[in-house]
Amino acid sequence: MNEQYAETTNAVEVNETVLEELNKQTEETIQTMVETEAQKEFMRYAFLKEPKTPIGKLVAGAWRKFKEWWDMHKRKEVEEKTRESVLGRLAELKKETKEHPRAPVVPKKHRETELE
């Protein structure tokens, strides 16, 4: 009887631990989704051409000022690094393709008709 009680108690404790973790993960997921919605709403305001509300004017104005700063101070550097990275990866893929050409992929539909 004591053994069954201990097993039941352990099972309940395990289930409670699992439920606590699940509740924690659920709450974290909810908060992440709420933050994502806030960011989407912010960006919606940021790109308004002619905002009508005070918050729209504030956010759109802040975005325009940030964009001006970005274009003056960061754009060129980020653009160069990105171009270098993308073109470098393309060159690697081109080299790999030359060194190890792959057989052409035949769509499944064509393979079936070839087998008949």
PDB file of N, CA and C in Angstrom:
ATOM      1  N   MET A   1       0.822  -1.190   0.000  1.00  0.00           N
ATOM      2  CA  MET A   1       0.000   0.000   0.000  1.00  0.00           C
ATOM      3  C   MET A   1       0.872   1.263   0.000  1.00  0.00           C
ATOM      4  N   ASN A   2       1.902   1.269   0.857  1.00  0.00           N
ATOM      5  CA  ASN A   2       2.810   2.421   0.920  1.00  0.00           C
ATOM      6  C   ASN A   2       3.537   2.614  -0.405  1.00  0.00           C
ATOM      7  N   GLU A   3       3.883   1.502  -1.052  1.00  0.00           N
ATOM      8  CA  GLU A   3       4.586   1.568  -2.336  1.00  0.00           C
ATOM      9  C   GLU A   3       3.691   2.202  -3.405  1.00  0.00           C
ATOM     10  N   GLN A   4       2.423   1.805  -3.431  1.00  0.00           N
ATOM     11  CA  GLN A   4       1.476   2.380  -4.403  1.00  0.00           C
ATOM     12  C   GLN A   4       1.287   3.870  -4.137  1.00  0.00           C
ATOM     13  N   TYR A   5       1.201   4.246  -2.859  1.00  0.00           N
ATOM     14  CA  TYR A   5       1.048   5.656  -2.496  1.00  0.00           C
ATOM     15  C   TYR A   5       2.260   6.457  -2.975  1.00  0.00           C
ATOM     16  N   ALA A   6       3.459   5.923  -2.784  1.00  0.00           N
ATOM     17  CA  ALA A   6       4.686   6.604  -3.196  1.00  0.00           C
ATOM     18  C   ALA A   6       4.728   6.764  -4.710  1.00  0.00           C
ATOM     19  N   GLU A   7       4.345   5.707  -5.437  1.00  0.00           N
ATOM     20  CA  GLU A   7       4.320   5.781  -6.904  1.00  0.00           C
ATOM     21  C   GLU A   7       3.326   6.829  -7.381  1.00  0.00           C
ATOM     22  N   THR A   8       2.156   6.851  -6.762  1.00  0.00           N
ATOM     23  CA  THR A   8       1.121   7.828  -7.133  1.00  0.00           C
ATOM     24  C   THR A   8       1.598   9.243  -6.836  1.00  0.00           C
ATOM     25  N   THR A   9       2.219   9.427  -5.690  1.00  0.00           N
ATOM     26  CA  THR A   9       2.726  10.748  -5.307  1.00  0.00           C
ATOM     27  C   THR A   9       3.803  11.203  -6.287  1.00  0.00           C
ATOM     28  N   ASN A  10       4.701  10.301  -6.660  1.00  0.00           N
ATOM     29  CA  ASN A  10       5.744  10.641  -7.634  1.00  0.00           C
ATOM     30  C   ASN A  10       5.139  11.017  -8.983  1.00  0.00           C
ATOM     31  N   ALA A  11       4.133  10.268  -9.413  1.00  0.00           N
ATOM     32  CA  ALA A  11       3.480  10.554 -10.697  1.00  0.00           C
ATOM     33  C   ALA A  11       2.815  11.924 -10.657  1.00  0.00           C
ATOM     34  N   VAL A  12       2.169  12.241  -9.554  1.00  0.00           N
ATOM     35  CA  VAL A  12       1.503  13.544  -9.414  1.00  0.00           C
ATOM     36  C   VAL A  12       2.542  14.659  -9.440  1.00  0.00           C
ATOM     37  N   GLU A  13       3.667  14.459  -8.731  1.00  0.00           N
ATOM     38  CA  GLU A  13       4.717  15.475  -8.714  1.00  0.00           C
ATOM     39  C   GLU A  13       5.310  15.683 -10.106  1.00  0.00           C
ATOM     40  N   VAL A  14       5.510  14.599 -10.836  1.00  0.00           N
ATOM     41  CA  VAL A  14       6.029  14.703 -12.202  1.00  0.00           C
ATOM     42  C   VAL A  14       5.033  15.457 -13.070  1.00  0.00           C
ATOM     43  N   ASN A  15       3.760  15.108 -12.976  1.00  0.00           N
ATOM     44  CA  ASN A  15       2.732  15.787 -13.772  1.00  0.00           C
ATOM     45  C   ASN A  15       2.654  17.271 -13.430  1.00  0.00           C
ATOM     46  N   GLU A  16       2.767  17.599 -12.143  1.00  0.00           N
ATOM     47  CA  GLU A  16       2.734  19.004 -11.740  1.00  0.00           C
ATOM     48  C   GLU A  16       3.931  19.760 -12.304  1.00  0.00           C
ATOM     49  N   THR A  17       5.092  19.122 -12.302  1.00  0.00           N
ATOM     50  CA  THR A  17       6.300  19.741 -12.861  1.00  0.00           C
ATOM     51  C   THR A  17       6.138  19.970 -14.363  1.00  0.00           C
ATOM     52  N   VAL A  18       5.612  18.959 -15.046  1.00  0.00           N
ATOM     53  CA  VAL A  18       5.383  19.086 -16.488  1.00  0.00           C
ATOM     54  C   VAL A  18       4.381  20.200 -16.758  1.00  0.00           C
ATOM     55  N   LEU A  19       3.309  20.254 -15.983  1.00  0.00           N
ATOM     56  CA  LEU A  19       2.305  21.313 -16.169  1.00  0.00           C
ATOM     57  C   LEU A  19       2.884  22.694 -15.900  1.00  0.00           C
ATOM     58  N   GLU A  20       3.711  22.814 -14.863  1.00  0.00           N
ATOM     59  CA  GLU A  20       4.354  24.103 -14.576  1.00  0.00           C
ATOM     60  C   GLU A  20       5.221  24.549 -15.750  1.00  0.00           C
ATOM     61  N   GLU A  21       6.013  23.622 -16.284  1.00  0.00           N
ATOM     62  CA  GLU A  21       6.876  23.942 -17.421  1.00  0.00           C
ATOM     63  C   GLU A  21       6.041  24.309 -18.638  1.00  0.00           C
ATOM     64  N   LEU A  22       4.978  23.569 -18.885  1.00  0.00           N
ATOM     65  CA  LEU A  22       4.090  23.850 -20.011  1.00  0.00           C
ATOM     66  C   LEU A  22       3.452  25.219 -19.858  1.00  0.00           C
ATOM     67  N   ASN A  23       2.995  25.544 -18.648  1.00  0.00           N
ATOM     68  CA  ASN A  23       2.410  26.862 -18.398  1.00  0.00           C
ATOM     69  C   ASN A  23       3.436  27.973 -18.624  1.00  0.00           C
ATOM     70  N   LYS A  24       4.668  27.741 -18.183  1.00  0.00           N
ATOM     71  CA  LYS A  24       5.740  28.729 -18.376  1.00  0.00           C
ATOM     72  C   LYS A  24       6.018  28.939 -19.863  1.00  0.00           C
ATOM     73  N   GLN A  25       6.145  27.836 -20.610  1.00  0.00           N
ATOM     74  CA  GLN A  25       6.403  27.936 -22.045  1.00  0.00           C
ATOM     75  C   GLN A  25       5.236  28.602 -22.774  1.00  0.00           C
ATOM     76  N   THR A  26       4.017  28.276 -22.350  1.00  0.00           N
ATOM     77  CA  THR A  26       2.838  28.891 -22.963  1.00  0.00           C
ATOM     78  C   THR A  26       2.836  30.394 -22.736  1.00  0.00           C
ATOM     79  N   GLU A  27       3.130  30.807 -21.512  1.00  0.00           N
ATOM     80  CA  GLU A  27       3.164  32.237 -21.195  1.00  0.00           C
ATOM     81  C   GLU A  27       4.261  32.942 -21.986  1.00  0.00           C
ATOM     82  N   GLU A  28       5.428  32.326 -22.117  1.00  0.00           N
ATOM     83  CA  GLU A  28       6.520  32.914 -22.911  1.00  0.00           C
ATOM     84  C   GLU A  28       6.110  33.058 -24.374  1.00  0.00           C
ATOM     85  N   THR A  29       5.422  32.051 -24.895  1.00  0.00           N
ATOM     86  CA  THR A  29       4.955  32.105 -26.287  1.00  0.00           C
ATOM     87  C   THR A  29       3.939  33.223 -26.467  1.00  0.00           C
ATOM     88  N   ILE A  30       3.029  33.351 -25.531  1.00  0.00           N
ATOM     89  CA  ILE A  30       2.026  34.419 -25.605  1.00  0.00           C
ATOM     90  C   ILE A  30       2.707  35.780 -25.591  1.00  0.00           C
ATOM     91  N   GLN A  31       3.688  35.977 -24.686  1.00  0.00           N
ATOM     92  CA  GLN A  31       4.383  37.260 -24.597  1.00  0.00           C
ATOM     93  C   GLN A  31       5.172  37.551 -25.871  1.00  0.00           C
ATOM     94  N   THR A  32       5.771  36.535 -26.462  1.00  0.00           N
ATOM     95  CA  THR A  32       6.497  36.714 -27.721  1.00  0.00           C
ATOM     96  C   THR A  32       5.538  37.142 -28.824  1.00  0.00           C
ATOM     97  N   MET A  33       4.369  36.517 -28.868  1.00  0.00           N
ATOM     98  CA  MET A  33       3.382  36.874 -29.895  1.00  0.00           C
ATOM     99  C   MET A  33       2.875  38.295 -29.700  1.00  0.00           C
ATOM    100  N   VAL A  34       2.661  38.697 -28.449  1.00  0.00           N
ATOM    101  CA  VAL A  34       2.208  40.059 -28.159  1.00  0.00           C
ATOM    102  C   VAL A  34       3.266  41.064 -28.597  1.00  0.00           C
ATOM    103  N   GLU A  35       4.542  40.782 -28.298  1.00  0.00           N
ATOM    104  CA  GLU A  35       5.631  41.669 -28.710  1.00  0.00           C
ATOM    105  C   GLU A  35       5.717  41.764 -30.231  1.00  0.00           C
ATOM    106  N   THR A  36       5.532  40.650 -30.904  1.00  0.00           N
ATOM    107  CA  THR A  36       5.569  40.633 -32.363  1.00  0.00           C
ATOM    108  C   THR A  36       4.453  41.502 -32.928  1.00  0.00           C
ATOM    109  N   GLU A  37       3.271  41.404 -32.347  1.00  0.00           N
ATOM    110  CA  GLU A  37       2.155  42.247 -32.793  1.00  0.00           C
ATOM    111  C   GLU A  37       2.464  43.723 -32.566  1.00  0.00           C
ATOM    112  N   ALA A  38       3.094  44.052 -31.443  1.00  0.00           N
ATOM    113  CA  ALA A  38       3.463  45.450 -31.167  1.00  0.00           C
ATOM    114  C   ALA A  38       4.445  45.953 -32.213  1.00  0.00           C
ATOM    115  N   GLN A  39       5.407  45.113 -32.562  1.00  0.00           N
ATOM    116  CA  GLN A  39       6.383  45.502 -33.579  1.00  0.00           C
ATOM    117  C   GLN A  39       5.726  45.694 -34.938  1.00  0.00           C
ATOM    118  N   LYS A  40       4.789  44.812 -35.281  1.00  0.00           N
ATOM    119  CA  LYS A  40       4.086  44.966 -36.566  1.00  0.00           C
ATOM    120  C   LYS A  40       3.276  46.261 -36.577  1.00  0.00           C
ATOM    121  N   GLU A  41       2.619  46.554 -35.467  1.00  0.00           N
ATOM    122  CA  GLU A  41       1.825  47.782 -35.371  1.00  0.00           C
ATOM    123  C   GLU A  41       2.738  49.011 -35.478  1.00  0.00           C
ATOM    124  N   PHE A  42       3.890  48.956 -34.813  1.00  0.00           N
ATOM    125  CA  PHE A  42       4.853  50.052 -34.891  1.00  0.00           C
ATOM    126  C   PHE A  42       5.278  50.280 -36.336  1.00  0.00           C
ATOM    127  N   MET A  43       5.608  49.196 -37.028  1.00  0.00           N
ATOM    128  CA  MET A  43       6.060  49.321 -38.409  1.00  0.00           C
ATOM    129  C   MET A  43       4.936  49.838 -39.310  1.00  0.00           C
ATOM    130  N   ARG A  44       3.704  49.437 -39.019  1.00  0.00           N
ATOM    131  CA  ARG A  44       2.582  49.959 -39.803  1.00  0.00           C
ATOM    132  C   ARG A  44       2.519  51.484 -39.669  1.00  0.00           C
ATOM    133  N   TYR A  45       2.673  51.981 -38.446  1.00  0.00           N
ATOM    134  CA  TYR A  45       2.687  53.431 -38.233  1.00  0.00           C
ATOM    135  C   TYR A  45       3.922  54.065 -38.873  1.00  0.00           C
ATOM    136  N   ALA A  46       5.057  53.396 -38.772  1.00  0.00           N
ATOM    137  CA  ALA A  46       6.311  53.966 -39.261  1.00  0.00           C
ATOM    138  C   ALA A  46       6.257  54.274 -40.747  1.00  0.00           C
ATOM    139  N   PHE A  47       5.553  53.453 -41.510  1.00  0.00           N
ATOM    140  CA  PHE A  47       5.546  53.629 -42.962  1.00  0.00           C
ATOM    141  C   PHE A  47       4.370  54.448 -43.485  1.00  0.00           C
ATOM    142  N   LEU A  48       3.589  55.029 -42.601  1.00  0.00           N
ATOM    143  CA  LEU A  48       2.500  55.882 -43.066  1.00  0.00           C
ATOM    144  C   LEU A  48       3.075  57.119 -43.751  1.00  0.00           C
ATOM    145  N   LYS A  49       2.541  57.430 -44.917  1.00  0.00           N
ATOM    146  CA  LYS A  49       3.009  58.617 -45.653  1.00  0.00           C
ATOM    147  C   LYS A  49       2.476  59.894 -45.013  1.00  0.00           C
ATOM    148  N   GLU A  50       1.214  59.889 -44.660  1.00  0.00           N
ATOM    149  CA  GLU A  50       0.599  61.070 -44.049  1.00  0.00           C
ATOM    150  C   GLU A  50      -0.188  60.644 -42.810  1.00  0.00           C
ATOM    151  N   PRO A  51       0.509  60.402 -41.700  1.00  0.00           N
ATOM    152  CA  PRO A  51      -0.190  59.963 -40.491  1.00  0.00           C
ATOM    153  C   PRO A  51      -1.140  61.038 -39.975  1.00  0.00           C
ATOM    154  N   LYS A  52      -2.255  60.595 -39.421  1.00  0.00           N
ATOM    155  CA  LYS A  52      -3.268  61.540 -38.948  1.00  0.00           C
ATOM    156  C   LYS A  52      -3.334  61.607 -37.421  1.00  0.00           C
ATOM    157  N   THR A  53      -2.937  60.522 -36.750  1.00  0.00           N
ATOM    158  CA  THR A  53      -3.004  60.496 -35.287  1.00  0.00           C
ATOM    159  C   THR A  53      -1.672  60.960 -34.696  1.00  0.00           C
ATOM    160  N   PRO A  54      -1.703  61.442 -33.452  1.00  0.00           N
ATOM    161  CA  PRO A  54      -0.447  61.864 -32.816  1.00  0.00           C
ATOM    162  C   PRO A  54       0.588  60.731 -32.751  1.00  0.00           C
ATOM    163  N   ILE A  55       0.158  59.514 -32.434  1.00  0.00           N
ATOM    164  CA  ILE A  55       1.118  58.413 -32.356  1.00  0.00           C
ATOM    165  C   ILE A  55       1.656  58.087 -33.746  1.00  0.00           C
ATOM    166  N   GLY A  56       0.804  58.160 -34.755  1.00  0.00           N
ATOM    167  CA  GLY A  56       1.254  57.916 -36.126  1.00  0.00           C
ATOM    168  C   GLY A  56       2.295  58.932 -36.552  1.00  0.00           C
ATOM    169  N   LYS A  57       2.059  60.193 -36.215  1.00  0.00           N
ATOM    170  CA  LYS A  57       3.003  61.255 -36.560  1.00  0.00           C
ATOM    171  C   LYS A  57       4.327  61.062 -35.828  1.00  0.00           C
ATOM    172  N   LEU A  58       4.257  60.678 -34.556  1.00  0.00           N
ATOM    173  CA  LEU A  58       5.465  60.465 -33.768  1.00  0.00           C
ATOM    174  C   LEU A  58       6.304  59.316 -34.340  1.00  0.00           C
ATOM    175  N   VAL A  59       5.654  58.181 -34.574  1.00  0.00           N
ATOM    176  CA  VAL A  59       6.379  57.001 -35.046  1.00  0.00           C
ATOM    177  C   VAL A  59       6.903  57.212 -36.462  1.00  0.00           C
ATOM    178  N   ALA A  60       6.070  57.744 -37.342  1.00  0.00           N
ATOM    179  CA  ALA A  60       6.510  57.977 -38.718  1.00  0.00           C
ATOM    180  C   ALA A  60       7.666  58.977 -38.756  1.00  0.00           C
ATOM    181  N   GLY A  61       7.586  60.008 -37.925  1.00  0.00           N
ATOM    182  CA  GLY A  61       8.669  60.988 -37.863  1.00  0.00           C
ATOM    183  C   GLY A  61       9.961  60.374 -37.341  1.00  0.00           C
ATOM    184  N   ALA A  62       9.829  59.544 -36.312  1.00  0.00           N
ATOM    185  CA  ALA A  62      11.014  58.878 -35.761  1.00  0.00           C
ATOM    186  C   ALA A  62      11.633  57.949 -36.805  1.00  0.00           C
ATOM    187  N   TRP A  63      10.787  57.238 -37.545  1.00  0.00           N
ATOM    188  CA  TRP A  63      11.303  56.336 -38.589  1.00  0.00           C
ATOM    189  C   TRP A  63      12.053  57.121 -39.656  1.00  0.00           C
ATOM    190  N   ARG A  64      11.477  58.242 -40.100  1.00  0.00           N
ATOM    191  CA  ARG A  64      12.145  59.047 -41.130  1.00  0.00           C
ATOM    192  C   ARG A  64      13.502  59.547 -40.638  1.00  0.00           C
ATOM    193  N   LYS A  65      13.577  59.998 -39.380  1.00  0.00           N
ATOM    194  CA  LYS A  65      14.847  60.472 -38.827  1.00  0.00           C
ATOM    195  C   LYS A  65      15.855  59.324 -38.728  1.00  0.00           C
ATOM    196  N   PHE A  66      15.398  58.155 -38.282  1.00  0.00           N
ATOM    197  CA  PHE A  66      16.288  57.003 -38.214  1.00  0.00           C
ATOM    198  C   PHE A  66      16.789  56.637 -39.601  1.00  0.00           C
ATOM    199  N   LYS A  67      15.875  56.616 -40.552  1.00  0.00           N
ATOM    200  CA  LYS A  67      16.236  56.245 -41.935  1.00  0.00           C
ATOM    201  C   LYS A  67      17.269  57.208 -42.498  1.00  0.00           C
ATOM    202  N   GLU A  68      17.124  58.495 -42.245  1.00  0.00           N
ATOM    203  CA  GLU A  68      18.119  59.481 -42.689  1.00  0.00           C
ATOM    204  C   GLU A  68      19.485  59.172 -42.069  1.00  0.00           C
ATOM    205  N   TRP A  69      19.501  58.906 -40.761  1.00  0.00           N
ATOM    206  CA  TRP A  69      20.747  58.584 -40.072  1.00  0.00           C
ATOM    207  C   TRP A  69      21.358  57.312 -40.659  1.00  0.00           C
ATOM    208  N   TRP A  70      20.529  56.289 -40.828  1.00  0.00           N
ATOM    209  CA  TRP A  70      20.990  55.010 -41.367  1.00  0.00           C
ATOM    210  C   TRP A  70      21.622  55.205 -42.739  1.00  0.00           C
ATOM    211  N   ASP A  71      20.919  55.921 -43.612  1.00  0.00           N
ATOM    212  CA  ASP A  71      21.422  56.134 -44.963  1.00  0.00           C
ATOM    213  C   ASP A  71      22.761  56.874 -44.954  1.00  0.00           C
ATOM    214  N   MET A  72      22.933  57.818 -44.027  1.00  0.00           N
ATOM    215  CA  MET A  72      24.171  58.596 -43.972  1.00  0.00           C
ATOM    216  C   MET A  72      25.329  57.833 -43.334  1.00  0.00           C
ATOM    217  N   HIS A  73      25.034  57.010 -42.325  1.00  0.00           N
ATOM    218  CA  HIS A  73      26.119  56.445 -41.521  1.00  0.00           C
ATOM    219  C   HIS A  73      26.305  54.928 -41.627  1.00  0.00           C
ATOM    220  N   LYS A  74      25.314  54.185 -41.982  1.00  0.00           N
ATOM    221  CA  LYS A  74      25.419  52.736 -41.924  1.00  0.00           C
ATOM    222  C   LYS A  74      25.167  52.015 -43.249  1.00  0.00           C
ATOM    223  N   ARG A  75      24.327  52.573 -44.089  1.00  0.00           N
ATOM    224  CA  ARG A  75      23.894  51.870 -45.294  1.00  0.00           C
ATOM    225  C   ARG A  75      25.061  51.348 -46.128  1.00  0.00           C
ATOM    226  N   LYS A  76      26.024  52.208 -46.433  1.00  0.00           N
ATOM    227  CA  LYS A  76      27.126  51.827 -47.312  1.00  0.00           C
ATOM    228  C   LYS A  76      27.908  50.641 -46.736  1.00  0.00           C
ATOM    229  N   GLU A  77      28.211  50.714 -45.438  1.00  0.00           N
ATOM    230  CA  GLU A  77      28.968  49.642 -44.785  1.00  0.00           C
ATOM    231  C   GLU A  77      28.197  48.313 -44.829  1.00  0.00           C
ATOM    232  N   VAL A  78      26.924  48.355 -44.485  1.00  0.00           N
ATOM    233  CA  VAL A  78      26.103  47.135 -44.473  1.00  0.00           C
ATOM    234  C   VAL A  78      25.920  46.606 -45.889  1.00  0.00           C
ATOM    235  N   GLU A  79      25.730  47.499 -46.829  1.00  0.00           N
ATOM    236  CA  GLU A  79      25.560  47.101 -48.226  1.00  0.00           C
ATOM    237  C   GLU A  79      26.826  46.400 -48.743  1.00  0.00           C
ATOM    238  N   GLU A  80      27.979  46.943 -48.429  1.00  0.00           N
ATOM    239  CA  GLU A  80      29.237  46.342 -48.875  1.00  0.00           C
ATOM    240  C   GLU A  80      29.447  44.963 -48.254  1.00  0.00           C
ATOM    241  N   LYS A  81      29.207  44.852 -46.958  1.00  0.00           N
ATOM    242  CA  LYS A  81      29.364  43.561 -46.282  1.00  0.00           C
ATOM    243  C   LYS A  81      28.383  42.532 -46.837  1.00  0.00           C
ATOM    244  N   THR A  82      27.164  42.950 -47.075  1.00  0.00           N
ATOM    245  CA  THR A  82      26.152  42.042 -47.605  1.00  0.00           C
ATOM    246  C   THR A  82      26.521  41.586 -49.006  1.00  0.00           C
ATOM    247  N   ARG A  83      26.928  42.536 -49.851  1.00  0.00           N
ATOM    248  CA  ARG A  83      27.322  42.200 -51.212  1.00  0.00           C
ATOM    249  C   ARG A  83      28.494  41.224 -51.206  1.00  0.00           C
ATOM    250  N   GLU A  84      29.492  41.506 -50.367  1.00  0.00           N
ATOM    251  CA  GLU A  84      30.658  40.636 -50.262  1.00  0.00           C
ATOM    252  C   GLU A  84      30.246  39.229 -49.819  1.00  0.00           C
ATOM    253  N   SER A  85      29.365  39.142 -48.861  1.00  0.00           N
ATOM    254  CA  SER A  85      28.910  37.854 -48.349  1.00  0.00           C
ATOM    255  C   SER A  85      28.127  37.073 -49.407  1.00  0.00           C
ATOM    256  N   VAL A  86      27.195  37.741 -50.049  1.00  0.00           N
ATOM    257  CA  VAL A  86      26.351  37.076 -51.057  1.00  0.00           C
ATOM    258  C   VAL A  86      27.188  36.653 -52.255  1.00  0.00           C
ATOM    259  N   LEU A  87      28.003  37.567 -52.774  1.00  0.00           N
ATOM    260  CA  LEU A  87      28.823  37.228 -53.936  1.00  0.00           C
ATOM    261  C   LEU A  87      29.858  36.151 -53.592  1.00  0.00           C
ATOM    262  N   GLY A  88      30.389  36.189 -52.378  1.00  0.00           N
ATOM    263  CA  GLY A  88      31.328  35.162 -51.945  1.00  0.00           C
ATOM    264  C   GLY A  88      30.666  33.791 -51.891  1.00  0.00           C
ATOM    265  N   ARG A  89      29.458  33.752 -51.364  1.00  0.00           N
ATOM    266  CA  ARG A  89      28.732  32.474 -51.288  1.00  0.00           C
ATOM    267  C   ARG A  89      28.387  31.971 -52.686  1.00  0.00           C
ATOM    268  N   LEU A  90      28.003  32.855 -53.578  1.00  0.00           N
ATOM    269  CA  LEU A  90      27.721  32.452 -54.957  1.00  0.00           C
ATOM    270  C   LEU A  90      28.962  31.879 -55.629  1.00  0.00           C
ATOM    271  N   ALA A  91      30.113  32.505 -55.386  1.00  0.00           N
ATOM    272  CA  ALA A  91      31.369  31.996 -55.961  1.00  0.00           C
ATOM    273  C   ALA A  91      31.685  30.609 -55.407  1.00  0.00           C
ATOM    274  N   GLU A  92      31.461  30.402 -54.114  1.00  0.00           N
ATOM    275  CA  GLU A  92      31.683  29.078 -53.511  1.00  0.00           C
ATOM    276  C   GLU A  92      30.767  28.031 -54.153  1.00  0.00           C
ATOM    277  N   LEU A  93      29.502  28.367 -54.317  1.00  0.00           N
ATOM    278  CA  LEU A  93      28.549  27.431 -54.920  1.00  0.00           C
ATOM    279  C   LEU A  93      28.917  27.109 -56.365  1.00  0.00           C
ATOM    280  N   LYS A  94      29.366  28.122 -57.088  1.00  0.00           N
ATOM    281  CA  LYS A  94      29.780  27.911 -58.478  1.00  0.00           C
ATOM    282  C   LYS A  94      30.964  26.949 -58.531  1.00  0.00           C
ATOM    283  N   LYS A  95      31.933  27.144 -57.635  1.00  0.00           N
ATOM    284  CA  LYS A  95      33.107  26.272 -57.580  1.00  0.00           C
ATOM    285  C   LYS A  95      32.706  24.847 -57.220  1.00  0.00           C
ATOM    286  N   GLU A  96      31.832  24.711 -56.212  1.00  0.00           N
ATOM    287  CA  GLU A  96      31.358  23.382 -55.800  1.00  0.00           C
ATOM    288  C   GLU A  96      30.642  22.677 -56.955  1.00  0.00           C
ATOM    289  N   THR A  97      29.860  23.439 -57.694  1.00  0.00           N
ATOM    290  CA  THR A  97      29.117  22.864 -58.817  1.00  0.00           C
ATOM    291  C   THR A  97      30.061  22.366 -59.896  1.00  0.00           C
ATOM    292  N   LYS A  98      31.115  23.128 -60.176  1.00  0.00           N
ATOM    293  CA  LYS A  98      32.098  22.700 -61.174  1.00  0.00           C
ATOM    294  C   LYS A  98      32.845  21.451 -60.712  1.00  0.00           C
ATOM    295  N   GLU A  99      33.205  21.418 -59.419  1.00  0.00           N
ATOM    296  CA  GLU A  99      33.966  20.289 -58.884  1.00  0.00           C
ATOM    297  C   GLU A  99      33.122  19.032 -58.726  1.00  0.00           C
ATOM    298  N   HIS A 100      31.858  19.203 -58.396  1.00  0.00           N
ATOM    299  CA  HIS A 100      30.969  18.065 -58.139  1.00  0.00           C
ATOM    300  C   HIS A 100      29.633  18.277 -58.843  1.00  0.00           C
ATOM    301  N   PRO A 101      29.627  18.158 -60.159  1.00  0.00           N
ATOM    302  CA  PRO A 101      28.354  18.366 -60.868  1.00  0.00           C
ATOM    303  C   PRO A 101      27.337  17.305 -60.446  1.00  0.00           C
ATOM    304  N   ARG A 102      26.141  17.723 -60.330  1.00  0.00           N
ATOM    305  CA  ARG A 102      25.068  16.815 -59.936  1.00  0.00           C
ATOM    306  C   ARG A 102      24.329  16.328 -61.163  1.00  0.00           C
ATOM    307  N   ALA A 103      23.801  15.131 -61.050  1.00  0.00           N
ATOM    308  CA  ALA A 103      22.970  14.607 -62.134  1.00  0.00           C
ATOM    309  C   ALA A 103      21.689  15.426 -62.170  1.00  0.00           C
ATOM    310  N   PRO A 104      21.145  15.683 -63.337  1.00  0.00           N
ATOM    311  CA  PRO A 104      19.914  16.458 -63.404  1.00  0.00           C
ATOM    312  C   PRO A 104      18.786  15.727 -62.669  1.00  0.00           C
ATOM    313  N   VAL A 105      17.954  16.488 -62.033  1.00  0.00           N
ATOM    314  CA  VAL A 105      16.827  15.924 -61.299  1.00  0.00           C
ATOM    315  C   VAL A 105      15.681  15.727 -62.277  1.00  0.00           C
ATOM    316  N   VAL A 106      15.179  14.505 -62.334  1.00  0.00           N
ATOM    317  CA  VAL A 106      14.058  14.188 -63.219  1.00  0.00           C
ATOM    318  C   VAL A 106      12.799  14.187 -62.371  1.00  0.00           C
ATOM    319  N   PRO A 107      11.810  15.014 -62.733  1.00  0.00           N
ATOM    320  CA  PRO A 107      10.572  15.042 -61.950  1.00  0.00           C
ATOM    321  C   PRO A 107       9.939  13.663 -61.882  1.00  0.00           C
ATOM    322  N   LYS A 108       9.275  13.394 -60.784  1.00  0.00           N
ATOM    323  CA  LYS A 108       8.663  12.098 -60.529  1.00  0.00           C
ATOM    324  C   LYS A 108       7.732  11.681 -61.658  1.00  0.00           C
ATOM    325  N   LYS A 109       6.964  12.594 -62.166  1.00  0.00           N
ATOM    326  CA  LYS A 109       5.990  12.285 -63.234  1.00  0.00           C
ATOM    327  C   LYS A 109       6.718  11.712 -64.462  1.00  0.00           C
ATOM    328  N   HIS A 110       7.847  12.281 -64.828  1.00  0.00           N
ATOM    329  CA  HIS A 110       8.604  11.808 -65.979  1.00  0.00           C
ATOM    330  C   HIS A 110       9.246  10.443 -65.727  1.00  0.00           C
ATOM    331  N   ARG A 111       9.686  10.218 -64.484  1.00  0.00           N
ATOM    332  CA  ARG A 111      10.299   8.930 -64.139  1.00  0.00           C
ATOM    333  C   ARG A 111       9.282   7.808 -64.276  1.00  0.00           C
ATOM    334  N   GLU A 112       8.050   8.070 -63.858  1.00  0.00           N
ATOM    335  CA  GLU A 112       7.005   7.041 -63.926  1.00  0.00           C
ATOM    336  C   GLU A 112       6.703   6.647 -65.366  1.00  0.00           C
ATOM    337  N   THR A 113       6.661   7.642 -66.269  1.00  0.00           N
ATOM    338  CA  THR A 113       6.370   7.330 -67.669  1.00  0.00           C
ATOM    339  C   THR A 113       7.543   6.597 -68.319  1.00  0.00           C
ATOM    340  N   GLU A 114       8.784   6.888 -67.855  1.00  0.00           N
ATOM    341  CA  GLU A 114       9.951   6.214 -68.400  1.00  0.00           C
ATOM    342  C   GLU A 114       9.964   4.733 -68.007  1.00  0.00           C
ATOM    343  N   LEU A 115       9.430   4.437 -66.840  1.00  0.00           N
ATOM    344  CA  LEU A 115       9.427   3.063 -66.348  1.00  0.00           C
ATOM    345  C   LEU A 115       8.366   2.192 -67.032  1.00  0.00           C
ATOM    346  N   GLU A 116       7.366   2.797 -67.597  1.00  0.00           N
ATOM    347  CA  GLU A 116       6.266   2.033 -68.200  1.00  0.00           C
ATOM    348  C   GLU A 116       6.634   1.421 -69.511  1.00  0.00           C
TER     349      GLU A 116
END
